[in-house]
Amino acid sequence: MLSTFSSVAPYLKFNPKYVITDNFIFKLHYRWTFVILLVGTILVSSRQYFGEHIKCISDTIPAHVINTYCFFTPTFTLVRHLNNTALDKGFIFQPGIGPEESQNEEVKRHAYYQWVPFVLFGQALLFYMPHSLWKTFEGGRIKALVFGLRMVGLTRYLKNDSLQIGKLNVPSMDEAESRVKHIRRAMIDRMRINQSWGAQLALTEVLNFLNILLQIYATNRFLGGAFYNLGIQVLNERWTNKMDALDIVFPKVTKCHFRKFGASGSLQMHDTLCVMALNIVNEKIYSILWFWYLFVLIMTLLGLVWRAFTFVFYKNVRFTKFTFAYFAKPGRIDEHELAAVVQKCNFSNWMFLFFLRSNLSEFLFKRVIFHLASELPDPEKDNNINAYLDREHSAATAGPSRVGDKVCLDDVDTPLLINKTSVKID
């Protein structure tokens, strides 16, 4: 049976080279919900564990004919017999199953079971789409910067040689410093050119919220308006009544009418009884989905509130220090150096730093902040690439004396941060 679920294994295994480019709430959508829906799809598509999806009883019609016909033609239950009183008194043996008084009697048709695997799989893809969009926006930039530095905490104990541990590489101090300079240059380039990174992340988080609302609505329509209150009704009725909401929405026994012409040409109707074995699985899947969707909806809403907080307070040094330490990765950061960096960041730059902190060790991130503290461009001047180029052109036309004194930020390899005693920090 485990081999059946091998298709979901890649989404569950541990990957030591995995780079964090999102948060826990994002993973609830594209990883956990995606896996739950994929497992549900596999379950309702696997006949070897639960037998035939439908088995119908008929006196004269061949079994394979009546089973196929009733599976493709919606079965039904009688609304008049969907009551606990008749079930308790023994007038009926299953909810919705009993004699018909007239051909116009109100019935509840059940056609959803034909579409359950397709709907579940389609929902799984929709939960993955915002993540795929965010990966396109992010473009692998974080991975390109931090790749190979997951074990860099051991770098301080190495001098000139790197160390190979299995598939993981521990860079030497020189290699780590080179990577820090590379990250610094990439960060400065990002501040000059790309201002939409944070907005793109916020957009995909809003898409996650809209998607979970859409999936709840779509599931409710798919189950004939019975999904909104399904979890509450199950909790209230499952252990007290013989018939509960699951027996109404997912009947285990249904009726099916099969009509054919007799030997003399007259139309004959055969009333058949069908056992819906697959509804045992369907009711469990949708009961779990009700509670899971509620949990994901609440967490996604809280995530949007948190994103709004980060947008309002990201300039606050204490808020940034708290966020980096408790939501990115635990560790200490020098508040003076962090303040020098945060003051020159916009929201996109701040989010870029947040994900760097999520992937880098405390030792290496301190080096990054140390280098960036005095080298980041001023947000009022250098965030606009056209203004930056205009100033370069003005400096070039001012004369040789001005050009010789100009220093390009990308050419600075030594941090410029000065301590209180006017000694340059190395």
Protein backbone atom coordinates (compact mmCIF):
# COMPACT_ATOMS: atom_id res chain seq x y z
CA MET A 1 0.00 0.00 0.00
CA LEU A 2 2.91 2.33 0.72
CA SER A 3 4.05 2.08 -2.89
CA THR A 4 0.75 3.65 -3.94
CA PHE A 5 1.65 6.87 -2.14
CA SER A 6 5.20 7.03 -3.52
CA SER A 7 4.15 9.96 -5.72
CA VAL A 8 3.81 12.21 -2.65
CA ALA A 9 7.15 11.16 -1.09
CA PRO A 10 9.19 13.97 -2.76
CA TYR A 11 7.06 16.53 -0.92
CA LEU A 12 7.73 14.97 2.49
CA LYS A 13 11.41 14.00 2.51
CA PHE A 14 14.09 16.10 4.17
CA ASN A 15 16.37 18.04 1.84
CA PRO A 16 19.54 19.47 3.45
CA LYS A 17 20.06 21.79 0.46
CA TYR A 18 16.58 23.31 0.79
CA VAL A 19 16.60 27.11 0.81
CA ILE A 20 13.84 29.01 2.63
CA THR A 21 12.09 31.54 0.39
CA ASP A 22 8.66 31.62 2.07
CA ASN A 23 7.08 31.02 5.49
CA PHE A 24 5.13 28.43 7.45
CA ILE A 25 1.73 29.70 6.26
CA PHE A 26 2.83 29.49 2.64
CA LYS A 27 3.84 25.86 3.23
CA LEU A 28 0.37 25.08 4.59
CA HIS A 29 -0.96 25.79 1.10
CA TYR A 30 1.52 24.42 -1.41
CA ARG A 31 2.94 21.59 0.66
CA TRP A 32 0.56 20.23 3.31
CA THR A 33 -2.78 21.01 1.64
CA PHE A 34 -1.37 19.89 -1.70
CA VAL A 35 -0.24 16.57 -0.17
CA ILE A 36 -3.58 16.02 1.65
CA LEU A 37 -5.55 16.56 -1.55
CA LEU A 38 -3.16 14.36 -3.53
CA VAL A 39 -3.51 11.54 -0.99
CA GLY A 40 -7.30 11.92 -1.15
CA THR A 41 -7.16 11.65 -4.94
CA ILE A 42 -5.12 8.45 -4.73
CA LEU A 43 -7.47 6.94 -2.13
CA VAL A 44 -10.66 7.45 -4.13
CA SER A 45 -8.93 6.15 -7.27
CA SER A 46 -7.58 2.91 -5.72
CA ARG A 47 -10.09 0.08 -5.99
CA GLN A 48 -7.77 -2.59 -4.61
CA TYR A 49 -8.14 -1.33 -1.03
CA PHE A 50 -11.90 -0.65 -0.87
CA GLY A 51 -13.32 -2.90 -3.55
CA GLU A 52 -15.71 -1.79 -6.28
CA HIS A 53 -16.95 1.77 -6.01
CA ILE A 54 -20.56 0.64 -6.37
CA LYS A 55 -22.39 -2.70 -6.07
CA CYS A 56 -26.04 -2.95 -7.08
CA ILE A 57 -28.62 -5.70 -6.44
CA SER A 58 -30.97 -6.74 -9.26
CA ASP A 59 -32.90 -9.91 -10.01
CA THR A 60 -32.70 -10.13 -13.80
CA ILE A 61 -30.16 -7.51 -14.90
CA PRO A 62 -26.52 -8.73 -15.16
CA ALA A 63 -24.37 -7.36 -12.32
CA HIS A 64 -21.77 -5.67 -14.51
CA VAL A 65 -24.50 -3.93 -16.51
CA ILE A 66 -26.44 -2.56 -13.55
CA ASN A 67 -23.24 -1.55 -11.71
CA THR A 68 -21.93 0.39 -14.69
CA TYR A 69 -25.31 2.01 -15.40
CA CYS A 70 -25.91 3.15 -11.81
CA PHE A 71 -22.35 4.48 -11.46
CA PHE A 72 -22.69 6.70 -14.53
CA THR A 73 -26.31 7.62 -13.81
CA PRO A 74 -26.78 9.52 -10.51
CA THR A 75 -28.26 7.36 -7.78
CA PHE A 76 -30.70 8.89 -5.29
CA THR A 77 -32.27 8.68 -1.86
CA LEU A 78 -35.82 9.59 -0.79
CA VAL A 79 -36.03 12.81 1.21
CA ARG A 80 -39.11 11.48 3.07
CA HIS A 81 -37.03 8.70 4.58
CA LEU A 82 -34.16 10.92 5.74
CA ASN A 83 -35.26 11.05 9.38
CA ASN A 84 -34.09 9.50 12.61
CA THR A 85 -37.61 8.66 13.83
CA ALA A 86 -38.31 6.14 11.09
CA LEU A 87 -34.80 4.72 11.51
CA ASP A 88 -35.19 4.30 15.27
CA LYS A 89 -38.59 2.59 14.93
CA GLY A 90 -37.32 0.19 12.27
CA PHE A 91 -39.55 1.43 9.45
CA ILE A 92 -36.43 1.83 7.29
CA PHE A 93 -33.05 0.11 7.54
CA GLN A 94 -30.92 2.84 5.92
CA PRO A 95 -31.36 6.65 5.71
CA GLY A 96 -33.23 7.60 2.53
CA ILE A 97 -34.11 4.02 1.57
CA GLY A 98 -37.77 2.93 1.58
CA PRO A 99 -40.87 2.44 -0.55
CA GLU A 100 -41.89 5.13 -3.04
CA GLU A 101 -45.47 6.40 -2.80
CA SER A 102 -45.51 8.15 -6.19
CA GLN A 103 -43.31 8.89 -9.18
CA ASN A 104 -43.20 12.57 -8.23
CA GLU A 105 -41.82 11.97 -4.76
CA GLU A 106 -38.98 14.33 -3.72
CA VAL A 107 -35.56 12.72 -4.12
CA LYS A 108 -31.96 13.72 -3.39
CA ARG A 109 -29.66 12.81 -6.25
CA HIS A 110 -25.99 11.95 -5.74
CA ALA A 111 -23.76 12.52 -8.76
CA TYR A 112 -20.65 13.99 -7.10
CA TYR A 113 -18.86 10.65 -6.57
CA GLN A 114 -18.05 10.44 -10.28
CA TRP A 115 -16.10 13.71 -10.06
CA VAL A 116 -14.41 13.46 -6.64
CA PRO A 117 -10.90 12.45 -7.89
CA PHE A 118 -10.93 15.13 -10.59
CA VAL A 119 -12.09 17.84 -8.20
CA LEU A 120 -9.54 16.90 -5.52
CA PHE A 121 -6.69 16.87 -8.02
CA GLY A 122 -7.77 20.19 -9.52
CA GLN A 123 -7.90 21.75 -6.05
CA ALA A 124 -4.40 20.43 -5.32
CA LEU A 125 -3.08 22.21 -8.42
CA LEU A 126 -4.81 25.46 -7.44
CA PHE A 127 -3.19 25.37 -3.99
CA TYR A 128 0.21 24.98 -5.66
CA MET A 129 -0.19 27.80 -8.20
CA PRO A 130 0.59 30.80 -5.90
CA HIS A 131 3.81 29.07 -4.82
CA SER A 132 4.77 28.45 -8.45
CA LEU A 133 4.08 32.13 -9.21
CA TRP A 134 6.23 33.23 -6.25
CA LYS A 135 9.10 30.99 -7.40
CA THR A 136 8.95 32.76 -10.77
CA PHE A 137 9.02 36.18 -9.10
CA GLU A 138 11.84 35.20 -6.72
CA GLY A 139 13.90 33.73 -9.56
CA GLY A 140 16.22 31.65 -7.33
CA ARG A 141 18.11 34.73 -6.11
CA ILE A 142 18.22 33.66 -2.46
CA LYS A 143 19.46 30.18 -3.36
CA ALA A 144 22.16 31.61 -5.60
CA LEU A 145 23.46 33.76 -2.73
CA VAL A 146 23.34 31.30 0.16
CA PHE A 147 24.04 28.03 -1.65
CA GLY A 148 26.94 26.19 -0.07
CA LEU A 149 26.86 28.16 3.19
CA ARG A 150 24.49 25.98 5.26
CA MET A 151 27.40 24.67 7.37
CA VAL A 152 29.24 27.97 7.53
CA GLY A 153 29.01 28.07 11.33
CA LEU A 154 32.08 25.83 11.33
CA THR A 155 34.02 28.24 9.10
CA ARG A 156 35.50 30.10 12.04
CA TYR A 157 37.47 26.96 12.89
CA LEU A 158 38.96 26.67 9.40
CA LYS A 159 41.75 28.78 7.98
CA ASN A 160 42.69 28.22 4.36
CA ASP A 161 41.06 24.90 3.48
CA SER A 162 37.41 24.02 3.02
CA LEU A 163 35.95 20.82 4.46
CA GLN A 164 33.72 18.27 2.72
CA ILE A 165 31.20 16.41 4.94
CA GLY A 166 29.21 14.00 2.81
CA LYS A 167 27.31 16.15 0.32
CA LEU A 168 27.74 19.30 2.41
CA ASN A 169 30.65 21.65 1.95
CA VAL A 170 32.05 23.77 4.80
CA PRO A 171 33.79 26.77 3.16
CA SER A 172 37.02 28.20 4.43
CA MET A 173 37.19 31.68 5.96
CA ASP A 174 38.41 33.19 2.69
CA GLU A 175 35.58 31.54 0.76
CA ALA A 176 33.03 32.76 3.31
CA GLU A 177 34.31 36.32 3.11
CA SER A 178 34.13 36.17 -0.66
CA ARG A 179 30.51 35.03 -0.45
CA VAL A 180 29.72 37.85 1.98
CA LYS A 181 31.05 40.38 -0.51
CA HIS A 182 28.99 38.74 -3.24
CA ILE A 183 25.85 38.99 -1.12
CA ARG A 184 26.65 42.61 -0.30
CA ARG A 185 27.03 43.55 -3.96
CA ALA A 186 23.83 41.71 -4.90
CA MET A 187 21.98 43.50 -2.09
CA ILE A 188 23.19 46.93 -3.25
CA ASP A 189 22.25 46.15 -6.86
CA ARG A 190 18.79 45.05 -5.71
CA MET A 191 18.25 48.32 -3.83
CA ARG A 192 19.09 50.30 -6.94
CA ILE A 193 17.01 48.37 -9.44
CA ASN A 194 14.33 46.02 -8.08
CA GLN A 195 11.63 47.63 -5.91
CA SER A 196 8.81 45.12 -6.42
CA TRP A 197 10.10 42.01 -4.60
CA GLY A 198 8.15 42.64 -1.38
CA ALA A 199 4.98 43.58 -3.28
CA GLN A 200 5.19 40.35 -5.29
CA LEU A 201 5.46 38.29 -2.11
CA ALA A 202 2.47 40.11 -0.59
CA LEU A 203 0.52 39.52 -3.81
CA THR A 204 1.07 35.76 -3.71
CA GLU A 205 0.05 35.69 -0.02
CA VAL A 206 -3.19 37.48 -0.93
CA LEU A 207 -3.69 34.91 -3.71
CA ASN A 208 -3.33 32.16 -1.11
CA PHE A 209 -6.10 33.79 0.94
CA LEU A 210 -8.39 34.23 -2.07
CA ASN A 211 -7.71 30.65 -3.15
CA ILE A 212 -8.70 29.11 0.19
CA LEU A 213 -11.94 31.14 0.13
CA LEU A 214 -12.59 29.97 -3.44
CA GLN A 215 -11.94 26.31 -2.56
CA ILE A 216 -14.31 26.42 0.42
CA TYR A 217 -17.02 27.95 -1.76
CA ALA A 218 -16.40 25.50 -4.61
CA THR A 219 -16.48 22.48 -2.27
CA ASN A 220 -19.76 23.69 -0.79
CA ARG A 221 -21.28 23.98 -4.26
CA PHE A 222 -19.87 20.58 -5.21
CA LEU A 223 -21.56 18.91 -2.22
CA GLY A 224 -24.88 20.63 -2.83
CA GLY A 225 -24.53 23.32 -0.16
CA ALA A 226 -23.72 20.88 2.65
CA PHE A 227 -20.03 21.72 3.27
CA TYR A 228 -20.25 25.01 5.21
CA ASN A 229 -21.75 23.37 8.31
CA LEU A 230 -20.46 19.85 7.77
CA GLY A 231 -17.84 19.83 10.54
CA ILE A 232 -20.17 21.36 13.15
CA GLN A 233 -22.95 18.91 12.32
CA VAL A 234 -20.56 15.96 12.51
CA LEU A 235 -19.41 17.02 15.98
CA ASN A 236 -22.99 17.51 17.18
CA GLU A 237 -24.65 14.46 15.62
CA ARG A 238 -22.02 11.79 14.98
CA TRP A 239 -22.14 10.17 18.41
CA THR A 240 -25.79 10.86 19.33
CA ASN A 241 -28.01 9.96 16.35
CA LYS A 242 -28.15 6.93 14.10
CA MET A 243 -28.30 9.26 11.10
CA ASP A 244 -26.05 12.32 10.87
CA ALA A 245 -24.98 14.80 8.21
CA LEU A 246 -22.47 12.35 6.72
CA ASP A 247 -25.22 9.77 6.09
CA ILE A 248 -27.22 12.39 4.21
CA VAL A 249 -24.38 13.85 2.15
CA PHE A 250 -22.48 10.56 1.66
CA PRO A 251 -25.10 7.76 1.74
CA LYS A 252 -23.74 4.24 1.95
CA VAL A 253 -26.87 2.71 0.36
CA THR A 254 -28.78 4.39 -2.48
CA LYS A 255 -31.57 3.62 -4.97
CA CYS A 256 -31.26 3.36 -8.75
CA HIS A 257 -33.92 2.87 -11.42
CA PHE A 258 -33.04 0.85 -14.50
CA ARG A 259 -35.52 0.81 -17.39
CA LYS A 260 -35.57 -1.54 -20.37
CA PHE A 261 -38.07 -2.88 -22.88
CA GLY A 262 -39.67 -6.24 -22.21
CA ALA A 263 -40.26 -9.09 -24.65
CA SER A 264 -43.54 -7.59 -25.86
CA GLY A 265 -42.14 -4.07 -26.23
CA SER A 266 -43.52 -2.57 -23.02
CA LEU A 267 -41.25 -0.48 -20.78
CA GLN A 268 -40.15 -2.18 -17.57
CA MET A 269 -38.63 -0.44 -14.56
CA HIS A 270 -36.24 -2.27 -12.25
CA ASP A 271 -35.79 -0.80 -8.77
CA THR A 272 -32.28 -1.61 -7.60
CA LEU A 273 -30.40 -1.15 -4.34
CA CYS A 274 -26.78 0.05 -4.56
CA VAL A 275 -24.03 -0.14 -1.93
CA MET A 276 -21.70 2.87 -2.19
CA ALA A 277 -18.48 1.53 -0.64
CA LEU A 278 -16.45 4.54 -1.76
CA ASN A 279 -18.56 6.92 0.32
CA ILE A 280 -16.88 5.50 3.42
CA VAL A 281 -13.69 7.11 2.10
CA ASN A 282 -15.37 10.25 0.76
CA GLU A 283 -16.95 11.15 4.09
CA LYS A 284 -13.61 10.87 5.88
CA ILE A 285 -11.82 12.96 3.26
CA TYR A 286 -14.32 15.81 3.33
CA SER A 287 -14.65 15.76 7.11
CA ILE A 288 -10.88 16.18 7.41
CA LEU A 289 -10.90 18.85 4.71
CA TRP A 290 -13.54 20.87 6.58
CA PHE A 291 -11.35 21.17 9.69
CA TRP A 292 -8.16 21.59 7.64
CA TYR A 293 -9.62 24.34 5.45
CA LEU A 294 -10.81 26.17 8.56
CA PHE A 295 -7.34 25.95 10.10
CA VAL A 296 -5.62 27.11 6.89
CA LEU A 297 -8.11 29.98 6.48
CA ILE A 298 -7.49 31.27 10.00
CA MET A 299 -3.70 30.95 9.69
CA THR A 300 -3.70 32.65 6.28
CA LEU A 301 -5.76 35.54 7.63
CA LEU A 302 -3.34 35.91 10.56
CA GLY A 303 -0.48 35.79 8.07
CA LEU A 304 -1.94 38.73 6.14
CA VAL A 305 -2.32 40.68 9.38
CA TRP A 306 1.33 39.94 10.19
CA ARG A 307 2.40 41.04 6.70
CA ALA A 308 0.58 44.33 7.26
CA PHE A 309 2.48 44.73 10.57
CA THR A 310 5.80 44.15 8.84
CA PHE A 311 4.94 46.72 6.17
CA VAL A 312 4.08 49.36 8.79
CA PHE A 313 6.88 48.69 11.32
CA TYR A 314 9.80 47.36 9.26
CA LYS A 315 11.73 50.60 9.83
CA ASN A 316 11.59 50.02 13.59
CA VAL A 317 14.88 48.47 14.72
CA ARG A 318 13.43 46.65 17.73
CA PHE A 319 10.64 45.17 15.61
CA THR A 320 13.19 44.06 13.00
CA LYS A 321 15.46 42.52 15.61
CA PHE A 322 12.52 40.67 17.19
CA THR A 323 11.26 39.45 13.78
CA PHE A 324 14.67 38.25 12.63
CA ALA A 325 15.32 36.45 15.93
CA TYR A 326 11.96 34.71 16.38
CA PHE A 327 10.48 34.34 12.91
CA ALA A 328 13.57 33.94 10.73
CA LYS A 329 16.26 32.20 12.80
CA PRO A 330 17.34 32.56 16.45
CA GLY A 331 20.53 34.52 17.05
CA ARG A 332 21.96 37.83 18.18
CA ILE A 333 22.41 40.81 15.89
CA ASP A 334 24.23 44.03 16.70
CA GLU A 335 21.50 46.65 17.09
CA HIS A 336 23.75 49.56 16.01
CA GLU A 337 24.75 47.89 12.75
CA LEU A 338 21.18 46.65 12.14
CA ALA A 339 19.84 50.20 12.59
CA ALA A 340 22.34 51.51 10.03
CA VAL A 341 21.05 48.96 7.50
CA VAL A 342 17.31 49.20 8.25
CA GLN A 343 17.28 52.99 7.91
CA LYS A 344 18.35 52.64 4.27
CA CYS A 345 15.98 49.78 3.39
CA ASN A 346 12.61 49.86 1.73
CA PHE A 347 10.12 47.02 2.30
CA SER A 348 11.48 44.85 -0.53
CA ASN A 349 15.05 45.18 0.81
CA TRP A 350 13.85 44.37 4.31
CA MET A 351 12.13 41.18 3.10
CA PHE A 352 15.29 40.23 1.21
CA LEU A 353 17.27 40.56 4.45
CA PHE A 354 14.64 38.53 6.29
CA PHE A 355 15.10 35.56 3.97
CA LEU A 356 18.87 35.91 4.09
CA ARG A 357 18.61 35.65 7.89
CA SER A 358 16.36 32.58 7.52
CA ASN A 359 19.03 30.76 5.52
CA LEU A 360 22.33 32.02 6.93
CA SER A 361 23.96 31.17 10.23
CA GLU A 362 24.28 33.80 12.94
CA PHE A 363 28.02 34.09 12.28
CA LEU A 364 27.66 34.75 8.55
CA PHE A 365 24.62 37.03 8.83
CA LYS A 366 26.52 39.24 11.28
CA ARG A 367 29.26 39.57 8.67
CA VAL A 368 26.66 40.51 6.03
CA ILE A 369 25.10 43.18 8.27
CA PHE A 370 28.58 44.44 9.21
CA HIS A 371 29.52 44.94 5.55
CA LEU A 372 26.17 46.44 4.59
CA ALA A 373 25.97 48.88 7.51
CA SER A 374 28.08 51.58 5.85
CA GLU A 375 27.82 50.62 2.19
CA LEU A 376 24.10 50.59 1.41
CA PRO A 377 23.00 53.49 -0.81
CA ASP A 378 20.76 56.20 0.54
CA PRO A 379 17.10 55.35 -0.18
CA GLU A 380 16.34 58.95 -1.12
CA LYS A 381 19.04 59.03 -3.79
CA ASP A 382 20.38 55.65 -4.86
CA ASN A 383 17.22 53.53 -5.07
CA ASN A 384 16.43 55.14 -8.41
CA ILE A 385 18.80 53.75 -11.03
CA ASN A 386 18.24 56.73 -13.37
CA ALA A 387 19.14 59.21 -10.62
CA TYR A 388 22.21 57.14 -9.80
CA LEU A 389 23.37 57.18 -13.43
CA ASP A 390 22.69 60.92 -13.67
CA ARG A 391 24.95 61.58 -10.67
CA GLU A 392 27.68 59.39 -12.18
CA HIS A 393 27.43 61.36 -15.43
CA SER A 394 27.56 64.67 -13.55
CA ALA A 395 30.63 63.54 -11.64
CA ALA A 396 32.32 62.46 -14.87
CA THR A 397 31.67 65.82 -16.58
CA ALA A 398 32.80 67.84 -13.54
CA GLY A 399 36.46 67.26 -14.35
CA PRO A 400 39.32 64.86 -13.61
CA SER A 401 39.61 65.99 -10.01
CA ARG A 402 36.02 64.98 -9.26
CA VAL A 403 36.31 61.66 -11.05
CA GLY A 404 39.42 60.66 -9.16
CA ASP A 405 37.73 61.23 -5.81
CA LYS A 406 34.60 59.22 -6.65
CA VAL A 407 34.38 55.75 -5.11
CA CYS A 408 32.11 53.10 -6.56
CA LEU A 409 30.23 51.16 -3.91
CA ASP A 410 30.74 47.85 -5.64
CA ASP A 411 34.53 48.36 -5.55
CA VAL A 412 34.64 48.74 -1.77
CA ASP A 413 35.86 45.50 -0.19
CA THR A 414 36.61 46.85 3.29
CA PRO A 415 33.72 47.87 5.56
CA LEU A 416 33.54 51.60 6.25
CA LEU A 417 31.77 51.44 9.60
CA ILE A 418 33.69 53.47 12.21
CA ASN A 419 33.42 52.88 15.91
CA LYS A 420 33.32 55.57 18.64
CA THR A 421 37.12 55.78 18.88
CA SER A 422 37.37 56.57 15.14
CA VAL A 423 39.09 53.25 14.42
CA LYS A 424 37.95 51.46 11.29
CA ILE A 425 36.38 48.09 12.05
CA ASP A 426 37.83 45.23 10.02
